[in-house]
């Protein structure tokens, strides 16, 4: 497995390039501001064939370059239906936009339990509402890897004070993640990686954080 991380934009949002090192098929996960040029360079450098762009959620800092990437790569874009409106109409989530964003209609929707194939890699979609209604994580069980978006960070969780946040749903979502194997490596939407074992507190996050 190839997994490269590109912190980009004013909030240092992580863009991920995930690829099968056998088949060279790949997926881009999240497309923050100023990430497209770097991603396209690495895709060419590694001779990868990108099959799709996946979004952990549709807050502006995760989707700013998605339209540009789609135009360049000619691949479908997928997001959970509960976050689709903000992808089509950036700002619909009532977060302030600091620069104009081009909206776009997704090519399909991500759903709980959906299996995604990237070469010989298999990912399962875990719907984790809380930070946003349509937040998702991508779990590669054979690789002991979770790409968690803004659901789970090292030592903390995504902001629950935003206009469309769902605090009650977040506690349920974190319990889904808490049952994953402790060795699972967690790659979040901001900051460095962690493991499920290092974040055991998420099973009781409501008690800790409220």
N, C-alpha and C. Protein backbone atom coordinates (compact mmCIF):
# COMPACT_ATOMS: atom_id res chain seq x y z
N UNK A 1 0.84 -1.20 0.00
CA UNK A 1 0.00 0.00 0.00
C UNK A 1 0.87 1.25 0.00
N UNK A 2 0.47 2.20 -0.80
CA UNK A 2 1.09 3.52 -0.78
C UNK A 2 0.10 4.48 -0.12
N UNK A 3 0.54 5.22 0.88
CA UNK A 3 -0.31 6.22 1.51
C UNK A 3 0.54 7.45 1.77
N UNK A 4 0.28 8.50 1.01
CA UNK A 4 1.03 9.75 1.17
C UNK A 4 0.09 10.84 1.64
N UNK A 5 0.63 11.72 2.48
CA UNK A 5 -0.16 12.75 3.16
C UNK A 5 0.36 14.12 2.76
N UNK A 6 -0.56 15.01 2.43
CA UNK A 6 -0.17 16.35 1.98
C UNK A 6 -0.96 17.41 2.75
N UNK A 7 -0.42 17.90 3.88
CA UNK A 7 -1.09 18.99 4.59
C UNK A 7 -1.14 20.23 3.71
N UNK A 8 -2.32 20.80 3.53
CA UNK A 8 -2.49 21.87 2.55
C UNK A 8 -3.48 22.91 3.03
N UNK A 9 -3.33 24.14 2.49
CA UNK A 9 -4.29 25.19 2.78
C UNK A 9 -4.09 25.85 4.12
N UNK A 10 -4.92 26.85 4.41
CA UNK A 10 -4.74 27.65 5.63
C UNK A 10 -4.93 26.89 6.93
N UNK A 11 -5.65 25.77 6.87
CA UNK A 11 -5.88 24.98 8.09
C UNK A 11 -5.04 23.70 8.10
N UNK A 12 -4.04 23.63 7.19
CA UNK A 12 -3.18 22.45 7.14
C UNK A 12 -4.01 21.17 7.09
N UNK A 13 -4.98 21.15 6.19
CA UNK A 13 -5.87 20.01 6.03
C UNK A 13 -5.15 18.91 5.25
N UNK A 14 -5.26 17.69 5.73
CA UNK A 14 -4.55 16.57 5.09
C UNK A 14 -5.29 16.05 3.86
N UNK A 15 -4.61 16.11 2.73
CA UNK A 15 -5.05 15.38 1.53
C UNK A 15 -4.30 14.06 1.52
N UNK A 16 -4.97 13.00 1.11
CA UNK A 16 -4.36 11.67 1.09
C UNK A 16 -4.34 11.11 -0.32
N UNK A 17 -3.21 10.53 -0.67
CA UNK A 17 -3.09 9.77 -1.91
C UNK A 17 -2.89 8.31 -1.51
N UNK A 18 -3.91 7.51 -1.78
CA UNK A 18 -3.90 6.10 -1.43
C UNK A 18 -3.78 5.28 -2.71
N UNK A 19 -2.84 4.33 -2.73
CA UNK A 19 -2.64 3.55 -3.95
C UNK A 19 -2.24 2.12 -3.63
N UNK A 20 -2.59 1.24 -4.54
CA UNK A 20 -2.16 -0.15 -4.50
C UNK A 20 -0.79 -0.23 -5.15
N UNK A 21 0.20 -0.69 -4.42
CA UNK A 21 1.55 -0.71 -4.98
C UNK A 21 1.75 -1.83 -6.00
N UNK A 22 0.77 -2.73 -6.13
CA UNK A 22 0.84 -3.81 -7.12
C UNK A 22 0.26 -3.36 -8.45
N UNK A 23 -0.95 -2.80 -8.41
CA UNK A 23 -1.65 -2.44 -9.65
C UNK A 23 -1.47 -0.99 -10.05
N UNK A 24 -1.01 -0.16 -9.11
CA UNK A 24 -0.85 1.28 -9.32
C UNK A 24 -2.18 2.03 -9.45
N UNK A 25 -3.28 1.36 -9.11
CA UNK A 25 -4.55 2.07 -9.04
C UNK A 25 -4.59 2.87 -7.74
N UNK A 26 -5.29 4.03 -7.77
CA UNK A 26 -5.22 4.95 -6.64
C UNK A 26 -6.54 5.68 -6.42
N UNK A 27 -6.63 6.29 -5.24
CA UNK A 27 -7.75 7.18 -4.91
C UNK A 27 -7.18 8.38 -4.18
N UNK A 28 -7.79 9.53 -4.41
CA UNK A 28 -7.48 10.73 -3.63
C UNK A 28 -8.57 10.88 -2.58
N UNK A 29 -8.16 11.14 -1.34
CA UNK A 29 -9.11 11.34 -0.26
C UNK A 29 -8.95 12.76 0.27
N UNK A 30 -9.96 13.55 0.06
CA UNK A 30 -10.03 14.98 0.41
C UNK A 30 -9.11 15.81 -0.49
N UNK A 31 -9.57 17.03 -0.78
CA UNK A 31 -8.86 17.88 -1.73
C UNK A 31 -8.83 19.31 -1.22
N UNK A 32 -8.03 19.58 -0.19
CA UNK A 32 -7.97 20.92 0.38
C UNK A 32 -7.34 21.95 -0.55
N UNK A 33 -7.48 23.20 -0.17
CA UNK A 33 -6.95 24.33 -0.93
C UNK A 33 -5.45 24.14 -1.17
N UNK A 34 -5.04 24.34 -2.42
CA UNK A 34 -3.65 24.28 -2.85
C UNK A 34 -3.06 22.86 -2.80
N UNK A 35 -3.91 21.84 -2.81
CA UNK A 35 -3.40 20.47 -2.82
C UNK A 35 -3.32 19.88 -4.23
N UNK A 36 -4.10 20.40 -5.16
CA UNK A 36 -4.24 19.76 -6.47
C UNK A 36 -2.91 19.66 -7.21
N UNK A 37 -2.14 20.73 -7.24
CA UNK A 37 -0.89 20.71 -8.00
C UNK A 37 0.07 19.66 -7.45
N UNK A 38 0.18 19.61 -6.12
CA UNK A 38 1.07 18.63 -5.49
C UNK A 38 0.60 17.21 -5.75
N UNK A 39 -0.71 16.98 -5.60
CA UNK A 39 -1.25 15.64 -5.84
C UNK A 39 -1.02 15.20 -7.28
N UNK A 40 -1.30 16.08 -8.22
CA UNK A 40 -1.12 15.73 -9.63
C UNK A 40 0.34 15.42 -9.95
N UNK A 41 1.24 16.15 -9.34
CA UNK A 41 2.68 15.90 -9.54
C UNK A 41 3.05 14.50 -9.03
N UNK A 42 2.57 14.16 -7.84
CA UNK A 42 2.91 12.85 -7.25
C UNK A 42 2.26 11.71 -8.03
N UNK A 43 1.03 11.92 -8.48
CA UNK A 43 0.35 10.91 -9.27
C UNK A 43 1.15 10.60 -10.54
N UNK A 44 1.62 11.64 -11.20
CA UNK A 44 2.44 11.46 -12.41
C UNK A 44 3.77 10.81 -12.07
N UNK A 45 4.40 11.28 -10.99
CA UNK A 45 5.71 10.78 -10.59
C UNK A 45 5.66 9.29 -10.28
N UNK A 46 4.59 8.85 -9.65
CA UNK A 46 4.44 7.44 -9.26
C UNK A 46 3.75 6.59 -10.32
N UNK A 47 3.39 7.22 -11.45
CA UNK A 47 2.71 6.53 -12.56
C UNK A 47 1.44 5.83 -12.09
N UNK A 48 0.62 6.57 -11.33
CA UNK A 48 -0.61 6.02 -10.77
C UNK A 48 -1.80 6.29 -11.68
N UNK A 49 -2.78 5.40 -11.60
CA UNK A 49 -4.05 5.59 -12.29
C UNK A 49 -5.13 5.83 -11.25
N UNK A 50 -5.59 7.06 -11.14
CA UNK A 50 -6.57 7.41 -10.10
C UNK A 50 -7.97 7.01 -10.55
N UNK A 51 -8.67 6.28 -9.69
CA UNK A 51 -10.00 5.79 -10.01
C UNK A 51 -11.11 6.68 -9.47
N UNK A 52 -10.84 7.41 -8.39
CA UNK A 52 -11.91 8.17 -7.73
C UNK A 52 -11.34 9.20 -6.77
N UNK A 53 -12.17 10.18 -6.46
CA UNK A 53 -11.91 11.14 -5.39
C UNK A 53 -12.96 10.91 -4.32
N UNK A 54 -12.51 10.69 -3.09
CA UNK A 54 -13.40 10.42 -1.97
C UNK A 54 -13.32 11.56 -0.98
N UNK A 55 -14.45 11.92 -0.40
CA UNK A 55 -14.48 13.01 0.56
C UNK A 55 -14.93 12.50 1.92
N UNK A 56 -14.15 12.80 2.95
CA UNK A 56 -14.55 12.42 4.31
C UNK A 56 -15.74 13.23 4.78
N UNK A 57 -15.85 14.46 4.29
CA UNK A 57 -17.00 15.33 4.53
C UNK A 57 -16.84 16.55 3.64
N UNK A 58 -17.78 17.49 3.71
CA UNK A 58 -17.78 18.56 2.70
C UNK A 58 -17.49 19.95 3.27
N UNK A 59 -16.88 20.06 4.43
CA UNK A 59 -16.47 21.39 4.90
C UNK A 59 -15.47 21.99 3.91
N UNK A 60 -15.49 23.32 3.81
CA UNK A 60 -14.75 23.99 2.74
C UNK A 60 -13.27 23.62 2.70
N UNK A 61 -12.66 23.39 3.86
CA UNK A 61 -11.21 23.13 3.85
C UNK A 61 -10.88 21.74 3.32
N UNK A 62 -11.88 20.89 3.13
CA UNK A 62 -11.65 19.55 2.57
C UNK A 62 -12.05 19.44 1.10
N UNK A 63 -12.75 20.44 0.58
CA UNK A 63 -13.26 20.33 -0.80
C UNK A 63 -12.77 21.44 -1.73
N UNK A 64 -11.92 22.33 -1.25
CA UNK A 64 -11.59 23.54 -2.02
C UNK A 64 -11.03 23.24 -3.42
N UNK A 65 -10.23 22.17 -3.55
CA UNK A 65 -9.62 21.85 -4.85
C UNK A 65 -10.28 20.67 -5.55
N UNK A 66 -11.43 20.23 -5.06
CA UNK A 66 -12.01 19.00 -5.63
C UNK A 66 -12.45 19.20 -7.08
N UNK A 67 -13.02 20.35 -7.39
CA UNK A 67 -13.47 20.60 -8.75
C UNK A 67 -12.28 20.62 -9.71
N UNK A 68 -11.20 21.27 -9.30
CA UNK A 68 -9.98 21.34 -10.12
C UNK A 68 -9.40 19.94 -10.34
N UNK A 69 -9.36 19.14 -9.29
CA UNK A 69 -8.84 17.78 -9.41
C UNK A 69 -9.70 16.92 -10.34
N UNK A 70 -11.01 17.06 -10.19
CA UNK A 70 -11.91 16.28 -11.04
C UNK A 70 -11.71 16.64 -12.52
N UNK A 71 -11.57 17.92 -12.79
CA UNK A 71 -11.37 18.35 -14.17
C UNK A 71 -10.06 17.79 -14.73
N UNK A 72 -9.05 17.72 -13.89
CA UNK A 72 -7.74 17.25 -14.36
C UNK A 72 -7.68 15.73 -14.50
N UNK A 73 -8.29 15.02 -13.55
CA UNK A 73 -8.18 13.56 -13.52
C UNK A 73 -9.30 12.84 -14.27
N UNK A 74 -10.42 13.56 -14.49
CA UNK A 74 -11.58 12.96 -15.17
C UNK A 74 -12.06 11.70 -14.45
N UNK A 75 -12.25 11.82 -13.14
CA UNK A 75 -12.69 10.69 -12.32
C UNK A 75 -13.91 11.10 -11.50
N UNK A 76 -14.70 10.13 -11.02
CA UNK A 76 -15.87 10.46 -10.20
C UNK A 76 -15.51 10.91 -8.80
N UNK A 77 -16.41 11.72 -8.24
CA UNK A 77 -16.26 12.23 -6.88
C UNK A 77 -17.40 11.68 -6.03
N UNK A 78 -17.06 11.17 -4.85
CA UNK A 78 -18.05 10.57 -3.97
C UNK A 78 -18.03 11.22 -2.59
N UNK A 79 -19.24 11.43 -2.05
CA UNK A 79 -19.41 12.00 -0.72
C UNK A 79 -20.67 11.37 -0.13
N UNK A 80 -20.81 11.40 1.18
CA UNK A 80 -22.05 10.91 1.79
C UNK A 80 -23.19 11.86 1.44
N UNK A 81 -24.38 11.31 1.22
CA UNK A 81 -25.51 12.14 0.78
C UNK A 81 -25.85 13.24 1.78
N UNK A 82 -25.58 13.02 3.07
CA UNK A 82 -25.93 14.03 4.07
C UNK A 82 -24.99 15.23 4.05
N UNK A 83 -23.89 15.13 3.30
CA UNK A 83 -22.99 16.27 3.12
C UNK A 83 -22.97 16.76 1.68
N UNK A 84 -23.81 16.18 0.84
CA UNK A 84 -23.76 16.50 -0.59
C UNK A 84 -24.19 17.93 -0.90
N UNK A 85 -25.15 18.45 -0.16
CA UNK A 85 -25.66 19.79 -0.45
C UNK A 85 -24.55 20.83 -0.35
N UNK A 86 -23.66 20.66 0.63
CA UNK A 86 -22.59 21.65 0.79
C UNK A 86 -21.51 21.51 -0.27
N UNK A 87 -21.40 20.33 -0.87
CA UNK A 87 -20.48 20.16 -2.00
C UNK A 87 -21.04 20.86 -3.23
N UNK A 88 -22.34 20.75 -3.43
CA UNK A 88 -22.98 21.40 -4.57
C UNK A 88 -23.09 22.91 -4.38
N UNK A 89 -23.32 23.32 -3.14
CA UNK A 89 -23.52 24.75 -2.83
C UNK A 89 -22.65 25.12 -1.65
N UNK A 90 -21.33 25.30 -1.86
CA UNK A 90 -20.43 25.61 -0.75
C UNK A 90 -20.93 26.80 0.07
N UNK A 91 -20.96 26.62 1.37
CA UNK A 91 -21.50 27.63 2.27
C UNK A 91 -22.89 27.27 2.77
N UNK A 92 -23.48 26.23 2.19
CA UNK A 92 -24.80 25.79 2.65
C UNK A 92 -24.76 25.30 4.10
N UNK A 93 -23.57 24.92 4.56
CA UNK A 93 -23.43 24.48 5.95
C UNK A 93 -23.26 25.65 6.93
N UNK A 94 -23.36 26.87 6.39
CA UNK A 94 -23.33 28.11 7.18
C UNK A 94 -21.95 28.41 7.77
N UNK A 95 -20.91 27.76 7.25
CA UNK A 95 -19.56 28.14 7.63
C UNK A 95 -19.08 29.26 6.72
N UNK A 96 -18.37 30.25 7.26
CA UNK A 96 -17.89 31.35 6.42
C UNK A 96 -16.87 30.86 5.40
N UNK A 97 -16.98 31.36 4.19
CA UNK A 97 -16.03 31.05 3.14
C UNK A 97 -15.07 32.22 2.98
N UNK A 98 -13.77 31.93 2.97
CA UNK A 98 -12.77 32.97 2.91
C UNK A 98 -12.31 33.27 1.49
N UNK A 99 -12.79 32.46 0.56
CA UNK A 99 -12.53 32.68 -0.86
C UNK A 99 -13.61 31.93 -1.63
N UNK A 100 -13.89 32.32 -2.87
CA UNK A 100 -14.95 31.66 -3.64
C UNK A 100 -14.63 30.19 -3.89
N UNK A 101 -15.63 29.34 -3.76
CA UNK A 101 -15.47 27.92 -4.04
C UNK A 101 -16.45 27.51 -5.13
N UNK A 102 -15.97 26.73 -6.08
CA UNK A 102 -16.82 26.23 -7.14
C UNK A 102 -17.52 24.96 -6.68
N UNK A 103 -18.84 24.98 -6.64
CA UNK A 103 -19.58 23.80 -6.24
C UNK A 103 -19.65 22.78 -7.36
N UNK A 104 -19.99 21.56 -7.00
CA UNK A 104 -20.13 20.51 -8.01
C UNK A 104 -21.05 19.42 -7.48
N UNK A 105 -21.75 18.79 -8.39
CA UNK A 105 -22.63 17.68 -8.03
C UNK A 105 -21.80 16.41 -7.92
N UNK A 106 -21.93 15.66 -6.83
CA UNK A 106 -21.17 14.41 -6.72
C UNK A 106 -21.64 13.39 -7.75
N UNK A 107 -20.75 12.49 -8.10
CA UNK A 107 -21.08 11.44 -9.06
C UNK A 107 -21.75 10.25 -8.39
N UNK A 108 -21.67 10.18 -7.08
CA UNK A 108 -22.30 9.10 -6.34
C UNK A 108 -22.18 9.35 -4.85
N UNK A 109 -22.84 8.52 -4.08
CA UNK A 109 -22.89 8.72 -2.63
C UNK A 109 -22.23 7.56 -1.89
N UNK A 110 -21.56 7.91 -0.81
CA UNK A 110 -20.97 6.92 0.09
C UNK A 110 -22.00 6.53 1.14
N UNK A 111 -21.97 5.27 1.57
CA UNK A 111 -22.94 4.81 2.56
C UNK A 111 -22.30 3.84 3.53
N UNK A 112 -22.90 3.71 4.70
CA UNK A 112 -22.42 2.81 5.75
C UNK A 112 -22.23 1.39 5.22
N UNK A 113 -21.03 0.84 5.45
CA UNK A 113 -20.75 -0.53 5.06
C UNK A 113 -20.36 -0.72 3.60
N UNK A 114 -20.40 0.32 2.82
CA UNK A 114 -20.04 0.21 1.41
C UNK A 114 -18.58 -0.21 1.26
N UNK A 115 -18.31 -1.09 0.31
CA UNK A 115 -16.94 -1.53 0.05
C UNK A 115 -16.41 -0.84 -1.20
N UNK A 116 -15.24 -0.26 -1.08
CA UNK A 116 -14.58 0.42 -2.20
C UNK A 116 -13.31 -0.33 -2.54
N UNK A 117 -13.06 -0.51 -3.82
CA UNK A 117 -11.90 -1.26 -4.29
C UNK A 117 -10.92 -0.31 -4.98
N UNK A 118 -9.68 -0.36 -4.55
CA UNK A 118 -8.60 0.40 -5.19
C UNK A 118 -7.48 -0.59 -5.50
N UNK A 119 -7.46 -1.08 -6.72
CA UNK A 119 -6.51 -2.13 -7.05
C UNK A 119 -6.81 -3.36 -6.22
N UNK A 120 -5.84 -3.81 -5.44
CA UNK A 120 -6.03 -4.96 -4.55
C UNK A 120 -6.40 -4.55 -3.13
N UNK A 121 -6.59 -3.25 -2.93
CA UNK A 121 -6.97 -2.74 -1.61
C UNK A 121 -8.49 -2.68 -1.48
N UNK A 122 -8.98 -3.01 -0.29
CA UNK A 122 -10.41 -2.92 -0.02
C UNK A 122 -10.64 -1.99 1.17
N UNK A 123 -11.55 -1.05 0.97
CA UNK A 123 -11.91 -0.10 2.02
C UNK A 123 -13.38 -0.24 2.35
N UNK A 124 -13.69 -0.11 3.63
CA UNK A 124 -15.08 -0.09 4.06
C UNK A 124 -15.42 1.31 4.54
N UNK A 125 -16.56 1.81 4.10
CA UNK A 125 -17.04 3.13 4.54
C UNK A 125 -17.72 2.98 5.90
N UNK A 126 -17.31 3.80 6.86
CA UNK A 126 -17.97 3.87 8.16
C UNK A 126 -18.59 5.26 8.28
N UNK A 127 -19.91 5.33 8.34
CA UNK A 127 -20.59 6.62 8.48
C UNK A 127 -20.45 7.07 9.93
N UNK A 128 -19.83 8.23 10.11
CA UNK A 128 -19.55 8.73 11.46
C UNK A 128 -20.06 10.16 11.64
N UNK A 129 -21.38 10.36 11.61
CA UNK A 129 -21.91 11.71 11.80
C UNK A 129 -21.52 12.26 13.17
N UNK A 130 -21.43 13.57 13.22
CA UNK A 130 -21.04 14.25 14.45
C UNK A 130 -20.45 15.60 14.11
N UNK A 131 -19.24 15.59 13.57
CA UNK A 131 -18.61 16.84 13.12
C UNK A 131 -19.42 17.46 11.98
N UNK A 132 -19.96 16.61 11.13
CA UNK A 132 -20.93 17.01 10.11
C UNK A 132 -21.87 15.83 9.92
N UNK A 133 -23.04 16.06 9.34
CA UNK A 133 -24.01 14.96 9.21
C UNK A 133 -23.52 13.81 8.34
N UNK A 134 -22.71 14.13 7.32
CA UNK A 134 -22.27 13.11 6.38
C UNK A 134 -20.82 12.72 6.52
N UNK A 135 -20.23 12.95 7.68
CA UNK A 135 -18.84 12.55 7.88
C UNK A 135 -18.69 11.04 7.74
N UNK A 136 -17.61 10.61 7.11
CA UNK A 136 -17.31 9.19 6.99
C UNK A 136 -15.83 8.96 7.27
N UNK A 137 -15.52 7.71 7.64
CA UNK A 137 -14.15 7.23 7.74
C UNK A 137 -13.98 6.09 6.74
N UNK A 138 -12.74 5.86 6.33
CA UNK A 138 -12.42 4.78 5.41
C UNK A 138 -11.50 3.79 6.11
N UNK A 139 -11.96 2.53 6.21
CA UNK A 139 -11.25 1.52 6.98
C UNK A 139 -10.71 0.43 6.07
N UNK A 140 -9.41 0.23 6.13
CA UNK A 140 -8.75 -0.84 5.38
C UNK A 140 -8.30 -1.88 6.40
N UNK A 141 -9.12 -2.89 6.61
CA UNK A 141 -8.86 -3.86 7.68
C UNK A 141 -7.57 -4.63 7.46
N UNK A 142 -7.29 -5.04 6.23
CA UNK A 142 -6.09 -5.83 5.97
C UNK A 142 -4.82 -5.01 6.16
N UNK A 143 -4.94 -3.70 6.05
CA UNK A 143 -3.80 -2.81 6.23
C UNK A 143 -3.78 -2.19 7.63
N UNK A 144 -4.76 -2.55 8.44
CA UNK A 144 -4.88 -1.97 9.80
C UNK A 144 -4.79 -0.45 9.75
N UNK A 145 -5.61 0.14 8.87
CA UNK A 145 -5.54 1.58 8.61
C UNK A 145 -6.93 2.18 8.59
N UNK A 146 -7.07 3.32 9.24
CA UNK A 146 -8.32 4.09 9.24
C UNK A 146 -8.01 5.52 8.84
N UNK A 147 -8.69 6.01 7.80
CA UNK A 147 -8.59 7.43 7.43
C UNK A 147 -9.84 8.08 8.00
N UNK A 148 -9.64 8.93 9.01
CA UNK A 148 -10.74 9.32 9.90
C UNK A 148 -11.34 10.69 9.66
N UNK A 149 -10.82 11.43 8.67
CA UNK A 149 -11.36 12.77 8.44
C UNK A 149 -11.30 13.61 9.69
N UNK A 150 -12.37 14.36 9.96
CA UNK A 150 -12.41 15.19 11.17
C UNK A 150 -13.24 14.55 12.27
N UNK A 151 -13.43 13.23 12.19
CA UNK A 151 -14.13 12.54 13.28
C UNK A 151 -13.20 12.34 14.46
N UNK A 152 -11.99 11.84 14.20
CA UNK A 152 -11.04 11.53 15.28
C UNK A 152 -9.66 12.05 14.92
N UNK A 153 -9.08 12.80 15.86
CA UNK A 153 -7.70 13.27 15.76
C UNK A 153 -6.87 12.60 16.86
N UNK A 154 -5.59 12.89 16.86
CA UNK A 154 -4.74 12.43 17.95
C UNK A 154 -5.15 13.17 19.23
N UNK A 155 -5.77 12.45 20.15
CA UNK A 155 -6.10 13.01 21.45
C UNK A 155 -7.37 13.83 21.51
N UNK A 156 -8.07 13.98 20.40
CA UNK A 156 -9.28 14.81 20.43
C UNK A 156 -10.20 14.43 19.26
N UNK A 157 -11.27 15.20 19.10
CA UNK A 157 -12.25 14.92 18.05
C UNK A 157 -12.56 16.19 17.29
N UNK A 158 -13.36 16.05 16.24
CA UNK A 158 -13.75 17.20 15.44
C UNK A 158 -14.65 18.16 16.20
N UNK A 159 -14.60 19.40 15.81
CA UNK A 159 -15.37 20.48 16.43
C UNK A 159 -16.88 20.17 16.39
N UNK A 160 -17.52 20.24 17.54
CA UNK A 160 -18.96 19.97 17.62
C UNK A 160 -19.79 21.24 17.82
N UNK A 161 -19.16 22.39 17.68
CA UNK A 161 -19.90 23.65 17.85
C UNK A 161 -20.29 24.28 16.51
N UNK A 162 -19.99 23.61 15.41
CA UNK A 162 -20.31 24.16 14.09
C UNK A 162 -21.81 24.05 13.82
N UNK A 163 -22.32 24.87 12.88
CA UNK A 163 -23.77 24.94 12.68
C UNK A 163 -24.47 23.61 12.40
N UNK A 164 -23.82 22.72 11.64
CA UNK A 164 -24.50 21.46 11.30
C UNK A 164 -23.96 20.27 12.11
N UNK A 165 -23.17 20.53 13.11
CA UNK A 165 -22.64 19.44 13.94
C UNK A 165 -23.77 18.73 14.69
N UNK A 166 -23.53 17.47 15.01
CA UNK A 166 -24.51 16.65 15.72
C UNK A 166 -23.82 15.96 16.90
N UNK A 167 -23.68 16.66 18.03
CA UNK A 167 -22.95 16.09 19.16
C UNK A 167 -23.44 14.72 19.59
N UNK A 168 -24.75 14.53 19.68
CA UNK A 168 -25.27 13.23 20.14
C UNK A 168 -24.85 12.11 19.20
N UNK A 169 -24.79 12.40 17.91
CA UNK A 169 -24.38 11.38 16.94
C UNK A 169 -22.90 11.06 17.05
N UNK A 170 -22.10 12.06 17.44
CA UNK A 170 -20.65 11.84 17.54
C UNK A 170 -20.31 10.74 18.54
N UNK A 171 -21.01 10.71 19.66
CA UNK A 171 -20.68 9.70 20.68
C UNK A 171 -20.94 8.29 20.14
N UNK A 172 -21.99 8.14 19.37
CA UNK A 172 -22.29 6.84 18.74
C UNK A 172 -21.22 6.50 17.71
N UNK A 173 -20.82 7.49 16.92
CA UNK A 173 -19.81 7.28 15.89
C UNK A 173 -18.48 6.84 16.51
N UNK A 174 -18.08 7.48 17.59
CA UNK A 174 -16.81 7.14 18.22
C UNK A 174 -16.83 5.73 18.79
N UNK A 175 -17.98 5.29 19.25
CA UNK A 175 -18.09 3.92 19.75
C UNK A 175 -17.89 2.91 18.62
N UNK A 176 -18.32 3.27 17.40
CA UNK A 176 -18.05 2.41 16.24
C UNK A 176 -16.55 2.24 16.03
N UNK A 177 -15.82 3.34 16.18
CA UNK A 177 -14.38 3.30 15.95
C UNK A 177 -13.66 2.60 17.11
N UNK A 178 -14.20 2.72 18.31
CA UNK A 178 -13.56 2.16 19.50
C UNK A 178 -13.42 0.65 19.44
N UNK A 179 -14.28 -0.02 18.67
CA UNK A 179 -14.24 -1.49 18.61
C UNK A 179 -13.28 -2.00 17.53
N UNK A 180 -12.66 -1.11 16.78
CA UNK A 180 -11.67 -1.55 15.80
C UNK A 180 -10.43 -2.07 16.53
N UNK A 181 -9.63 -2.92 15.91
CA UNK A 181 -8.42 -3.43 16.56
C UNK A 181 -7.51 -2.30 17.05
N UNK A 182 -6.93 -2.51 18.22
CA UNK A 182 -6.10 -1.47 18.83
C UNK A 182 -4.92 -1.07 17.96
N UNK A 183 -4.43 -2.01 17.15
CA UNK A 183 -3.27 -1.72 16.30
C UNK A 183 -3.61 -0.85 15.10
N UNK A 184 -4.90 -0.60 14.88
CA UNK A 184 -5.32 0.20 13.71
C UNK A 184 -4.69 1.58 13.74
N UNK A 185 -3.99 1.92 12.67
CA UNK A 185 -3.39 3.25 12.54
C UNK A 185 -4.44 4.23 12.06
N UNK A 186 -4.50 5.38 12.70
CA UNK A 186 -5.52 6.39 12.40
C UNK A 186 -4.86 7.59 11.75
N UNK A 187 -5.35 7.94 10.56
CA UNK A 187 -4.83 9.08 9.82
C UNK A 187 -5.94 10.12 9.70
N UNK A 188 -5.83 11.24 10.44
CA UNK A 188 -6.93 12.20 10.53
C UNK A 188 -6.89 13.29 9.47
N UNK A 189 -7.91 14.13 9.51
CA UNK A 189 -8.02 15.23 8.57
C UNK A 189 -7.08 16.38 8.84
N UNK A 190 -6.54 16.44 10.06
CA UNK A 190 -5.56 17.46 10.44
C UNK A 190 -4.58 16.82 11.42
N UNK A 191 -3.33 17.20 11.35
CA UNK A 191 -2.36 16.72 12.31
C UNK A 191 -1.83 15.34 12.01
N UNK A 192 -1.06 14.82 12.98
CA UNK A 192 -0.38 13.55 12.79
C UNK A 192 -1.24 12.34 13.13
N UNK A 193 -0.68 11.18 12.86
CA UNK A 193 -1.41 9.93 13.04
C UNK A 193 -1.41 9.47 14.49
N UNK A 194 -2.26 8.51 14.77
CA UNK A 194 -2.34 7.88 16.08
C UNK A 194 -2.79 6.45 15.87
N UNK A 195 -3.23 5.78 16.92
CA UNK A 195 -3.78 4.43 16.79
C UNK A 195 -5.06 4.35 17.61
N UNK A 196 -5.88 3.38 17.29
CA UNK A 196 -7.09 3.16 18.09
C UNK A 196 -6.70 2.83 19.53
N UNK A 197 -5.64 2.04 19.70
CA UNK A 197 -5.20 1.70 21.05
C UNK A 197 -4.79 2.89 21.88
N UNK A 198 -4.23 3.90 21.22
CA UNK A 198 -3.82 5.12 21.94
C UNK A 198 -5.00 6.02 22.26
N UNK A 199 -6.14 5.75 21.66
CA UNK A 199 -7.33 6.59 21.84
C UNK A 199 -8.47 5.79 22.47
N UNK A 200 -8.15 4.93 23.42
CA UNK A 200 -9.17 4.09 24.05
C UNK A 200 -10.29 4.90 24.68
N UNK A 201 -9.99 6.12 25.04
CA UNK A 201 -10.97 6.99 25.68
C UNK A 201 -12.20 7.24 24.82
N UNK A 202 -12.11 7.00 23.50
CA UNK A 202 -13.25 7.33 22.64
C UNK A 202 -14.47 6.48 22.95
N UNK A 203 -14.25 5.33 23.59
CA UNK A 203 -15.41 4.49 23.96
C UNK A 203 -16.28 5.18 24.98
N UNK A 204 -15.70 6.14 25.72
CA UNK A 204 -16.42 6.88 26.76
C UNK A 204 -16.27 8.38 26.55
N UNK A 205 -16.20 8.78 25.29
CA UNK A 205 -15.90 10.17 24.95
C UNK A 205 -16.93 11.15 25.53
N UNK A 206 -18.18 10.75 25.56
CA UNK A 206 -19.22 11.66 26.07
C UNK A 206 -18.96 12.03 27.52
N UNK A 207 -18.54 11.06 28.31
CA UNK A 207 -18.23 11.33 29.72
C UNK A 207 -17.03 12.24 29.86
N UNK A 208 -16.06 12.09 28.98
CA UNK A 208 -14.82 12.87 29.06
C UNK A 208 -14.97 14.28 28.54
N UNK A 209 -15.81 14.44 27.53
CA UNK A 209 -15.83 15.72 26.81
C UNK A 209 -17.07 16.57 27.08
N UNK A 210 -18.00 16.07 27.90
CA UNK A 210 -19.19 16.87 28.18
C UNK A 210 -19.34 17.09 29.68
